[in-house]
N, C-alpha and C. Protein backbone atom coordinates (compact mmCIF):
# COMPACT_ATOMS: atom_id res chain seq x y z
N UNK A 1 0.84 -1.19 0.00
CA UNK A 1 0.00 0.00 0.00
C UNK A 1 0.88 1.24 0.00
N UNK A 2 0.29 2.31 -0.44
CA UNK A 2 0.99 3.57 -0.57
C UNK A 2 1.21 4.23 0.80
N UNK A 3 2.35 4.85 0.96
CA UNK A 3 2.64 5.65 2.14
C UNK A 3 2.27 7.10 1.80
N UNK A 4 1.49 7.74 2.67
CA UNK A 4 1.06 9.12 2.46
C UNK A 4 1.94 10.03 3.30
N UNK A 5 2.50 11.05 2.66
CA UNK A 5 3.36 12.00 3.36
C UNK A 5 2.89 13.41 3.04
N UNK A 6 2.77 14.24 4.07
CA UNK A 6 2.31 15.61 3.91
C UNK A 6 2.88 16.45 5.04
N UNK A 7 2.76 17.76 4.90
CA UNK A 7 3.31 18.69 5.88
C UNK A 7 2.20 19.28 6.74
N UNK A 8 2.51 19.45 8.03
CA UNK A 8 1.69 20.22 8.96
C UNK A 8 2.65 21.22 9.58
N UNK A 9 2.55 22.46 9.13
CA UNK A 9 3.50 23.48 9.59
C UNK A 9 4.90 23.13 9.11
N UNK A 10 5.86 23.14 10.02
CA UNK A 10 7.25 22.85 9.66
C UNK A 10 7.58 21.36 9.74
N UNK A 11 6.59 20.54 10.13
CA UNK A 11 6.80 19.11 10.30
C UNK A 11 6.21 18.33 9.13
N UNK A 12 6.76 17.17 8.89
CA UNK A 12 6.20 16.23 7.92
C UNK A 12 5.57 15.07 8.68
N UNK A 13 4.47 14.58 8.16
CA UNK A 13 3.76 13.45 8.74
C UNK A 13 3.68 12.37 7.67
N UNK A 14 3.88 11.14 8.11
CA UNK A 14 3.83 10.00 7.20
C UNK A 14 2.87 8.97 7.77
N UNK A 15 1.93 8.50 6.93
CA UNK A 15 0.98 7.47 7.33
C UNK A 15 1.22 6.25 6.45
N UNK A 16 1.49 5.12 7.08
CA UNK A 16 1.71 3.86 6.38
C UNK A 16 0.56 2.92 6.75
N UNK A 17 -0.27 2.56 5.76
CA UNK A 17 -1.42 1.67 6.00
C UNK A 17 -1.01 0.22 6.15
N UNK A 18 0.19 -0.11 5.78
CA UNK A 18 0.64 -1.50 5.84
C UNK A 18 2.01 -1.58 6.51
N UNK A 19 2.05 -1.23 7.81
CA UNK A 19 3.34 -1.27 8.50
C UNK A 19 3.81 -2.71 8.67
N UNK A 20 5.09 -2.90 8.95
CA UNK A 20 5.57 -4.25 9.21
C UNK A 20 4.80 -4.87 10.37
N UNK A 21 4.60 -6.17 10.37
CA UNK A 21 3.88 -6.83 11.48
C UNK A 21 4.51 -6.45 12.82
N UNK A 22 3.64 -6.29 13.82
CA UNK A 22 4.12 -5.89 15.14
C UNK A 22 3.50 -6.78 16.20
N UNK A 23 4.34 -7.28 17.08
CA UNK A 23 3.90 -8.09 18.21
C UNK A 23 4.47 -7.45 19.47
N UNK A 24 3.61 -6.92 20.36
CA UNK A 24 4.13 -6.23 21.55
C UNK A 24 4.96 -7.12 22.47
N UNK A 25 4.86 -8.43 22.33
CA UNK A 25 5.61 -9.36 23.19
C UNK A 25 6.95 -9.77 22.57
N UNK A 26 7.22 -9.29 21.35
CA UNK A 26 8.43 -9.70 20.64
C UNK A 26 9.52 -8.63 20.74
N UNK A 27 10.77 -9.06 20.76
CA UNK A 27 11.90 -8.12 20.71
C UNK A 27 12.44 -8.01 19.28
N UNK A 28 11.84 -8.75 18.35
CA UNK A 28 12.32 -8.76 16.98
C UNK A 28 11.48 -7.96 16.01
N UNK A 29 10.74 -6.96 16.49
CA UNK A 29 9.92 -6.14 15.62
C UNK A 29 10.79 -5.26 14.73
N UNK A 30 10.30 -4.98 13.51
CA UNK A 30 11.05 -4.17 12.56
C UNK A 30 11.17 -2.71 13.01
N UNK A 31 10.17 -2.21 13.72
CA UNK A 31 10.17 -0.82 14.18
C UNK A 31 9.92 -0.73 15.68
N UNK A 32 10.43 0.34 16.27
CA UNK A 32 10.17 0.66 17.67
C UNK A 32 9.17 1.81 17.66
N UNK A 33 8.18 1.74 18.54
CA UNK A 33 7.13 2.75 18.58
C UNK A 33 7.14 3.50 19.90
N UNK A 34 6.87 4.81 19.80
CA UNK A 34 6.79 5.64 21.00
C UNK A 34 5.47 5.42 21.74
N UNK A 35 4.43 4.99 21.01
CA UNK A 35 3.13 4.74 21.63
C UNK A 35 2.31 3.83 20.74
N UNK A 36 1.41 3.09 21.38
CA UNK A 36 0.45 2.22 20.69
C UNK A 36 -0.93 2.66 21.14
N UNK A 37 -1.77 3.06 20.20
CA UNK A 37 -3.14 3.45 20.50
C UNK A 37 -4.08 2.50 19.78
N UNK A 38 -4.53 1.50 20.50
CA UNK A 38 -5.41 0.49 19.93
C UNK A 38 -6.74 0.47 20.67
N UNK A 39 -7.80 0.20 19.93
CA UNK A 39 -9.09 -0.09 20.55
C UNK A 39 -8.95 -1.49 21.12
N UNK A 40 -9.31 -1.65 22.39
CA UNK A 40 -9.17 -2.94 23.07
C UNK A 40 -9.99 -4.02 22.36
N UNK A 41 -9.36 -5.17 22.12
CA UNK A 41 -10.05 -6.30 21.51
C UNK A 41 -9.20 -7.54 21.66
N UNK A 42 -9.87 -8.66 21.74
CA UNK A 42 -9.15 -9.94 21.76
C UNK A 42 -8.86 -10.41 20.34
N UNK A 43 -9.41 -9.72 19.35
CA UNK A 43 -9.25 -10.10 17.95
C UNK A 43 -8.19 -9.24 17.26
N UNK A 44 -7.77 -9.69 16.12
CA UNK A 44 -6.79 -8.97 15.30
C UNK A 44 -7.46 -7.72 14.72
N UNK A 45 -6.79 -6.59 14.80
CA UNK A 45 -7.31 -5.33 14.27
C UNK A 45 -7.23 -5.34 12.74
N UNK A 46 -8.35 -5.10 12.04
CA UNK A 46 -8.32 -5.13 10.57
C UNK A 46 -7.56 -3.96 9.95
N UNK A 47 -7.48 -2.85 10.66
CA UNK A 47 -6.72 -1.69 10.17
C UNK A 47 -5.75 -1.24 11.24
N UNK A 48 -4.48 -1.19 10.87
CA UNK A 48 -3.42 -0.69 11.74
C UNK A 48 -2.59 0.27 10.89
N UNK A 49 -2.40 1.49 11.39
CA UNK A 49 -1.61 2.49 10.68
C UNK A 49 -0.39 2.85 11.51
N UNK A 50 0.71 2.99 10.82
CA UNK A 50 1.92 3.53 11.42
C UNK A 50 1.96 5.01 11.05
N UNK A 51 2.06 5.87 12.06
CA UNK A 51 2.11 7.31 11.81
C UNK A 51 3.42 7.83 12.40
N UNK A 52 4.14 8.59 11.59
CA UNK A 52 5.45 9.12 12.00
C UNK A 52 5.50 10.62 11.73
N UNK A 53 6.23 11.34 12.58
CA UNK A 53 6.47 12.76 12.34
C UNK A 53 7.97 12.98 12.17
N UNK A 54 8.28 13.94 11.31
CA UNK A 54 9.67 14.25 10.96
C UNK A 54 9.89 15.76 10.99
N UNK A 55 11.09 16.15 11.32
CA UNK A 55 11.54 17.53 11.18
C UNK A 55 12.82 17.46 10.38
N UNK A 56 12.80 18.07 9.20
CA UNK A 56 13.96 18.02 8.30
C UNK A 56 14.42 16.58 8.07
N UNK A 57 13.49 15.71 7.79
CA UNK A 57 13.75 14.28 7.53
C UNK A 57 14.31 13.51 8.72
N UNK A 58 14.34 14.12 9.90
CA UNK A 58 14.75 13.41 11.12
C UNK A 58 13.49 12.91 11.83
N UNK A 59 13.43 11.62 12.08
CA UNK A 59 12.28 11.03 12.75
C UNK A 59 12.15 11.57 14.17
N UNK A 60 10.97 12.10 14.50
CA UNK A 60 10.70 12.60 15.85
C UNK A 60 9.94 11.55 16.67
N UNK A 61 8.84 11.06 16.11
CA UNK A 61 7.98 10.09 16.80
C UNK A 61 7.42 9.11 15.79
N UNK A 62 7.14 7.90 16.29
CA UNK A 62 6.48 6.87 15.47
C UNK A 62 5.51 6.14 16.37
N UNK A 63 4.24 6.07 15.95
CA UNK A 63 3.21 5.39 16.73
C UNK A 63 2.44 4.42 15.85
N UNK A 64 1.65 3.56 16.49
CA UNK A 64 0.69 2.71 15.78
C UNK A 64 -0.69 3.03 16.32
N UNK A 65 -1.69 3.07 15.41
CA UNK A 65 -3.08 3.13 15.82
C UNK A 65 -3.79 1.94 15.20
N UNK A 66 -4.82 1.45 15.87
CA UNK A 66 -5.59 0.33 15.34
C UNK A 66 -6.97 0.30 15.95
N UNK A 67 -7.95 -0.13 15.15
CA UNK A 67 -9.33 -0.20 15.61
C UNK A 67 -10.02 -1.41 14.99
N UNK A 68 -11.24 -1.64 15.42
CA UNK A 68 -12.01 -2.80 14.97
C UNK A 68 -13.02 -2.37 13.91
N UNK A 69 -13.88 -3.29 13.51
CA UNK A 69 -14.87 -3.00 12.47
C UNK A 69 -14.28 -3.35 11.13
N UNK A 70 -14.78 -2.71 10.09
CA UNK A 70 -14.31 -2.97 8.74
C UNK A 70 -12.96 -2.33 8.47
N UNK A 71 -12.22 -2.94 7.58
CA UNK A 71 -10.90 -2.42 7.22
C UNK A 71 -11.04 -1.12 6.42
N UNK A 72 -10.10 -0.22 6.63
CA UNK A 72 -10.09 1.06 5.92
C UNK A 72 -8.73 1.26 5.25
N UNK A 73 -8.66 2.29 4.47
CA UNK A 73 -7.41 2.69 3.84
C UNK A 73 -7.29 4.21 3.95
N UNK A 74 -6.12 4.72 3.69
CA UNK A 74 -5.89 6.16 3.74
C UNK A 74 -6.08 6.74 2.35
N UNK A 75 -6.86 7.80 2.27
CA UNK A 75 -7.10 8.52 1.02
C UNK A 75 -7.36 9.98 1.35
N UNK A 76 -7.59 10.80 0.37
CA UNK A 76 -7.66 12.25 0.60
C UNK A 76 -8.75 12.69 1.57
N UNK A 77 -9.82 11.91 1.74
CA UNK A 77 -10.88 12.30 2.66
C UNK A 77 -10.94 11.43 3.91
N UNK A 78 -9.91 10.66 4.18
CA UNK A 78 -9.92 9.81 5.38
C UNK A 78 -9.19 10.47 6.56
N UNK A 79 -8.67 11.65 6.35
CA UNK A 79 -8.00 12.37 7.45
C UNK A 79 -8.10 13.87 7.21
N UNK A 80 -7.94 14.60 8.30
CA UNK A 80 -7.93 16.06 8.26
C UNK A 80 -6.70 16.52 9.01
N UNK A 81 -5.98 17.47 8.43
CA UNK A 81 -4.86 18.08 9.14
C UNK A 81 -5.28 19.47 9.57
N UNK A 82 -4.93 19.80 10.79
CA UNK A 82 -5.17 21.13 11.32
C UNK A 82 -3.83 21.66 11.81
N UNK A 83 -3.81 22.86 12.30
CA UNK A 83 -2.56 23.51 12.70
C UNK A 83 -1.71 22.63 13.61
N UNK A 84 -2.32 21.97 14.57
CA UNK A 84 -1.55 21.21 15.54
C UNK A 84 -2.13 19.82 15.82
N UNK A 85 -2.89 19.30 14.84
CA UNK A 85 -3.49 17.99 15.05
C UNK A 85 -3.80 17.28 13.74
N UNK A 86 -3.88 15.98 13.86
CA UNK A 86 -4.27 15.09 12.76
C UNK A 86 -5.49 14.32 13.24
N UNK A 87 -6.57 14.36 12.47
CA UNK A 87 -7.79 13.64 12.79
C UNK A 87 -7.99 12.62 11.67
N UNK A 88 -8.06 11.32 12.02
CA UNK A 88 -8.00 10.28 11.01
C UNK A 88 -8.99 9.15 11.28
N UNK A 89 -9.60 8.65 10.19
CA UNK A 89 -10.48 7.48 10.24
C UNK A 89 -9.61 6.22 10.28
N UNK A 90 -9.94 5.31 11.17
CA UNK A 90 -9.27 4.00 11.21
C UNK A 90 -10.34 2.99 11.63
N UNK A 91 -10.79 2.19 10.68
CA UNK A 91 -11.89 1.24 10.90
C UNK A 91 -13.11 1.98 11.42
N UNK A 92 -13.64 1.60 12.59
CA UNK A 92 -14.87 2.20 13.11
C UNK A 92 -14.61 3.41 14.00
N UNK A 93 -13.37 3.86 14.09
CA UNK A 93 -12.97 4.87 15.07
C UNK A 93 -12.31 6.07 14.40
N UNK A 94 -12.51 7.23 15.00
CA UNK A 94 -11.81 8.45 14.62
C UNK A 94 -10.78 8.73 15.71
N UNK A 95 -9.52 8.88 15.31
CA UNK A 95 -8.43 9.20 16.23
C UNK A 95 -8.03 10.66 16.02
N UNK A 96 -7.78 11.38 17.10
CA UNK A 96 -7.28 12.74 17.03
C UNK A 96 -5.92 12.76 17.74
N UNK A 97 -4.90 13.12 16.99
CA UNK A 97 -3.52 13.12 17.49
C UNK A 97 -2.95 14.52 17.47
N UNK A 98 -2.30 14.90 18.55
CA UNK A 98 -1.57 16.17 18.63
C UNK A 98 -0.34 16.06 17.74
N UNK A 99 -0.04 17.09 16.98
CA UNK A 99 1.20 17.07 16.21
C UNK A 99 2.12 18.17 16.74
N UNK A 100 3.41 17.94 16.76
CA UNK A 100 4.13 16.82 16.14
C UNK A 100 4.38 15.62 17.06
N UNK A 101 3.98 15.69 18.33
CA UNK A 101 4.37 14.61 19.26
C UNK A 101 3.50 13.36 19.17
N UNK A 102 2.40 13.42 18.39
CA UNK A 102 1.51 12.29 18.16
C UNK A 102 0.88 11.72 19.43
N UNK A 103 0.71 12.58 20.43
CA UNK A 103 -0.02 12.13 21.62
C UNK A 103 -1.50 12.05 21.27
N UNK A 104 -2.18 11.10 21.90
CA UNK A 104 -3.60 10.89 21.64
C UNK A 104 -4.42 11.91 22.41
N UNK A 105 -5.17 12.74 21.67
CA UNK A 105 -6.07 13.71 22.30
C UNK A 105 -7.40 13.05 22.63
N UNK A 106 -7.92 12.26 21.67
CA UNK A 106 -9.15 11.50 21.89
C UNK A 106 -9.31 10.47 20.77
N UNK A 107 -10.17 9.49 21.04
CA UNK A 107 -10.60 8.54 20.01
C UNK A 107 -12.07 8.28 20.26
N UNK A 108 -12.84 8.19 19.18
CA UNK A 108 -14.28 8.01 19.27
C UNK A 108 -14.74 6.99 18.25
N UNK A 109 -15.50 6.00 18.70
CA UNK A 109 -16.13 5.06 17.77
C UNK A 109 -17.28 5.82 17.13
N UNK A 110 -17.17 6.10 15.83
CA UNK A 110 -18.13 6.94 15.13
C UNK A 110 -19.06 6.17 14.21
N UNK A 111 -18.86 4.87 14.06
CA UNK A 111 -19.73 4.04 13.23
C UNK A 111 -19.68 2.62 13.78
N UNK A 112 -20.75 1.87 13.60
CA UNK A 112 -20.76 0.49 14.07
C UNK A 112 -19.89 -0.42 13.20
N UNK A 113 -19.56 0.02 11.98
CA UNK A 113 -18.76 -0.82 11.09
C UNK A 113 -17.47 -0.11 10.66
N UNK A 114 -17.60 0.91 9.81
CA UNK A 114 -16.43 1.55 9.22
C UNK A 114 -16.66 3.04 9.00
N UNK A 115 -15.65 3.83 9.27
CA UNK A 115 -15.67 5.27 8.95
C UNK A 115 -14.95 5.46 7.62
N UNK A 116 -15.70 5.80 6.58
CA UNK A 116 -15.13 5.98 5.24
C UNK A 116 -14.41 7.31 5.08
N UNK A 117 -15.08 8.41 5.52
CA UNK A 117 -14.57 9.74 5.24
C UNK A 117 -14.83 10.67 6.43
N UNK A 118 -14.01 11.72 6.51
CA UNK A 118 -14.18 12.76 7.52
C UNK A 118 -14.06 14.12 6.84
N UNK A 119 -14.94 15.04 7.25
CA UNK A 119 -14.96 16.38 6.69
C UNK A 119 -15.05 17.39 7.82
N UNK A 120 -14.40 18.52 7.64
CA UNK A 120 -14.46 19.61 8.61
C UNK A 120 -15.75 20.39 8.36
N UNK A 121 -16.48 20.68 9.43
CA UNK A 121 -17.65 21.55 9.36
C UNK A 121 -17.59 22.49 10.55
N UNK A 122 -17.39 23.77 10.28
CA UNK A 122 -17.16 24.76 11.33
C UNK A 122 -16.03 24.24 12.21
N UNK A 123 -16.24 24.10 13.53
CA UNK A 123 -15.16 23.57 14.37
C UNK A 123 -15.34 22.07 14.62
N UNK A 124 -16.35 21.47 13.98
CA UNK A 124 -16.67 20.05 14.19
C UNK A 124 -16.26 19.21 12.99
N UNK A 125 -16.65 17.93 13.03
CA UNK A 125 -16.33 16.97 11.97
C UNK A 125 -17.58 16.21 11.57
N UNK A 126 -17.77 16.04 10.27
CA UNK A 126 -18.85 15.20 9.73
C UNK A 126 -18.19 13.89 9.29
N UNK A 127 -18.75 12.78 9.77
CA UNK A 127 -18.21 11.46 9.45
C UNK A 127 -19.16 10.72 8.54
N UNK A 128 -18.65 10.27 7.40
CA UNK A 128 -19.41 9.40 6.50
C UNK A 128 -19.03 7.98 6.87
N UNK A 129 -19.92 7.34 7.61
CA UNK A 129 -19.70 5.96 8.01
C UNK A 129 -20.48 5.01 7.13
N UNK A 130 -20.23 3.73 7.31
CA UNK A 130 -20.93 2.73 6.51
C UNK A 130 -22.40 2.64 6.89
N UNK A 131 -22.71 2.73 8.19
CA UNK A 131 -24.12 2.62 8.61
C UNK A 131 -24.65 3.91 9.24
N UNK A 132 -23.79 4.89 9.49
CA UNK A 132 -24.25 6.14 10.09
C UNK A 132 -23.50 7.34 9.53
N UNK A 133 -24.22 8.45 9.47
CA UNK A 133 -23.61 9.75 9.24
C UNK A 133 -23.59 10.42 10.61
N UNK A 134 -22.44 10.94 11.03
CA UNK A 134 -22.30 11.49 12.38
C UNK A 134 -21.67 12.87 12.33
N UNK A 135 -21.91 13.60 13.40
CA UNK A 135 -21.20 14.86 13.62
C UNK A 135 -20.51 14.76 14.96
N UNK A 136 -19.20 14.97 14.96
CA UNK A 136 -18.39 14.94 16.18
C UNK A 136 -17.93 16.36 16.50
N UNK A 137 -17.89 16.67 17.79
CA UNK A 137 -17.38 17.97 18.20
C UNK A 137 -15.86 18.00 18.05
N UNK A 138 -15.29 19.16 18.22
CA UNK A 138 -13.85 19.35 18.17
C UNK A 138 -13.14 18.48 19.23
N UNK A 139 -13.87 18.12 20.29
CA UNK A 139 -13.33 17.29 21.37
C UNK A 139 -13.67 15.81 21.22
N UNK A 140 -14.29 15.42 20.10
CA UNK A 140 -14.58 14.01 19.85
C UNK A 140 -15.91 13.52 20.37
N UNK A 141 -16.74 14.40 20.92
CA UNK A 141 -18.06 13.99 21.40
C UNK A 141 -19.00 13.82 20.21
N UNK A 142 -19.83 12.78 20.23
CA UNK A 142 -20.83 12.58 19.18
C UNK A 142 -21.98 13.54 19.45
N UNK A 143 -22.19 14.48 18.53
CA UNK A 143 -23.26 15.45 18.66
C UNK A 143 -24.58 14.88 18.14
N UNK A 144 -24.51 14.10 17.08
CA UNK A 144 -25.66 13.37 16.54
C UNK A 144 -25.16 12.31 15.57
N UNK A 145 -26.03 11.36 15.29
CA UNK A 145 -25.76 10.37 14.24
C UNK A 145 -27.09 9.91 13.66
N UNK A 146 -27.08 9.63 12.37
CA UNK A 146 -28.28 9.20 11.66
C UNK A 146 -27.95 7.99 10.79
N UNK A 147 -28.83 7.02 10.79
CA UNK A 147 -28.70 5.86 9.93
C UNK A 147 -29.71 5.92 8.80
N UNK A 148 -29.66 4.93 7.95
CA UNK A 148 -30.61 4.82 6.84
C UNK A 148 -31.18 3.42 6.80
N UNK A 149 -31.88 3.12 5.73
CA UNK A 149 -32.49 1.79 5.56
C UNK A 149 -31.45 0.75 5.19
N UNK A 150 -30.30 1.18 4.66
CA UNK A 150 -29.23 0.28 4.23
C UNK A 150 -27.90 1.00 4.45
N UNK A 151 -26.81 0.38 4.08
CA UNK A 151 -25.49 0.97 4.29
C UNK A 151 -25.24 2.12 3.31
N UNK A 152 -24.48 3.12 3.77
CA UNK A 152 -24.18 4.31 2.96
C UNK A 152 -22.93 4.09 2.11
N UNK A 153 -23.07 3.29 1.06
CA UNK A 153 -21.91 2.98 0.23
C UNK A 153 -21.93 3.70 -1.11
N UNK A 154 -22.96 4.44 -1.38
CA UNK A 154 -23.06 5.14 -2.67
C UNK A 154 -22.68 6.61 -2.49
N UNK A 155 -23.26 7.49 -3.28
CA UNK A 155 -22.87 8.90 -3.30
C UNK A 155 -22.99 9.56 -1.93
N UNK A 156 -22.00 10.41 -1.63
CA UNK A 156 -21.99 11.19 -0.40
C UNK A 156 -21.37 12.54 -0.71
N UNK A 157 -22.04 13.62 -0.28
CA UNK A 157 -21.47 14.95 -0.47
C UNK A 157 -22.02 15.90 0.58
N UNK A 158 -21.27 16.95 0.82
CA UNK A 158 -21.66 18.00 1.75
C UNK A 158 -21.76 19.29 0.95
N UNK A 159 -22.91 19.94 1.05
CA UNK A 159 -23.10 21.23 0.39
C UNK A 159 -23.10 22.31 1.47
N UNK A 160 -23.36 23.55 1.05
CA UNK A 160 -23.45 24.64 2.03
C UNK A 160 -24.67 24.49 2.93
N UNK A 161 -25.69 23.76 2.47
CA UNK A 161 -26.96 23.70 3.20
C UNK A 161 -27.31 22.35 3.80
N UNK A 162 -26.68 21.28 3.34
CA UNK A 162 -27.08 19.95 3.81
C UNK A 162 -26.01 18.90 3.51
N UNK A 163 -26.22 17.73 4.10
CA UNK A 163 -25.39 16.55 3.86
C UNK A 163 -26.25 15.59 3.02
N UNK A 164 -25.71 15.14 1.92
CA UNK A 164 -26.45 14.26 1.00
C UNK A 164 -25.79 12.89 1.00
N UNK A 165 -26.59 11.84 1.18
CA UNK A 165 -26.06 10.48 1.17
C UNK A 165 -27.03 9.56 0.43
N UNK A 166 -26.47 8.54 -0.19
CA UNK A 166 -27.27 7.52 -0.88
C UNK A 166 -26.86 6.17 -0.33
N UNK A 167 -27.87 5.35 -0.01
CA UNK A 167 -27.54 4.04 0.54
C UNK A 167 -27.43 2.99 -0.57
N UNK A 168 -27.10 1.78 -0.17
CA UNK A 168 -26.86 0.68 -1.10
C UNK A 168 -28.09 0.37 -1.96
N UNK A 169 -29.29 0.66 -1.44
CA UNK A 169 -30.53 0.47 -2.19
C UNK A 169 -30.91 1.69 -3.02
N UNK A 170 -29.98 2.63 -3.17
CA UNK A 170 -30.14 3.87 -3.93
C UNK A 170 -31.22 4.80 -3.36
N UNK A 171 -31.53 4.67 -2.08
CA UNK A 171 -32.40 5.62 -1.40
C UNK A 171 -31.55 6.85 -1.06
N UNK A 172 -32.14 8.01 -1.23
CA UNK A 172 -31.41 9.26 -1.02
C UNK A 172 -31.84 9.91 0.29
N UNK A 173 -30.84 10.52 0.98
CA UNK A 173 -31.07 11.15 2.27
C UNK A 173 -30.44 12.53 2.25
N UNK A 174 -31.12 13.47 2.90
CA UNK A 174 -30.57 14.81 3.11
C UNK A 174 -30.72 15.12 4.59
N UNK A 175 -29.60 15.46 5.23
CA UNK A 175 -29.59 15.83 6.64
C UNK A 175 -29.10 17.26 6.76
N UNK A 176 -29.72 18.01 7.68
CA UNK A 176 -29.17 19.33 7.96
C UNK A 176 -27.99 19.14 8.93
N UNK A 177 -27.34 20.21 9.28
CA UNK A 177 -26.12 20.10 10.11
C UNK A 177 -26.42 19.89 11.59
N UNK A 178 -27.72 19.83 11.93
CA UNK A 178 -28.13 19.46 13.29
C UNK A 178 -28.60 18.01 13.34
N UNK A 179 -28.47 17.29 12.23
CA UNK A 179 -28.82 15.88 12.19
C UNK A 179 -30.25 15.57 11.82
N UNK A 180 -31.02 16.57 11.45
CA UNK A 180 -32.41 16.36 11.06
C UNK A 180 -32.50 15.87 9.63
N UNK A 181 -33.36 14.88 9.39
CA UNK A 181 -33.59 14.37 8.04
C UNK A 181 -34.51 15.36 7.34
N UNK A 182 -34.03 16.01 6.28
CA UNK A 182 -34.81 17.03 5.59
C UNK A 182 -35.28 16.59 4.21
N UNK A 183 -35.08 15.31 3.86
CA UNK A 183 -35.52 14.86 2.52
C UNK A 183 -36.91 14.30 2.56
């Protein structure tokens, strides 16, 4: 899988969707991590991301995040960068990391299955999940969430006035930014 690299201020951030296998009980791991942020589970996490920060190509921190639910990948709408934080979808959870030290500010399970996309709305976040559309506060609190008759795997867009989603059965939904169904 592709490694995504981008800048936040004077720092570079790198997200690897397919890091080398890691076993916390082993001394033979390919990488050493400053922190592990995993959703507790007795099962194998379907999505694990290695996130690293750099200053002038010098590694500052390297962490792993992992969550349960459906597997995800990194793409242009699966994370948001802000002045001093990275907010990223990983399986059913949204992680918010302080940059550049990659400390965990919060993590929130935002969908019962998978968080496909995240969008900034005012100071909050709109999450396009597989079974729910949600709005999270800047602090990771769920302000509202709405489901449909089927999974939201088809068209999804945010306009100035509403959130538009289409489910697997091609039913169309329009939600206002307070979570009300307006269609």
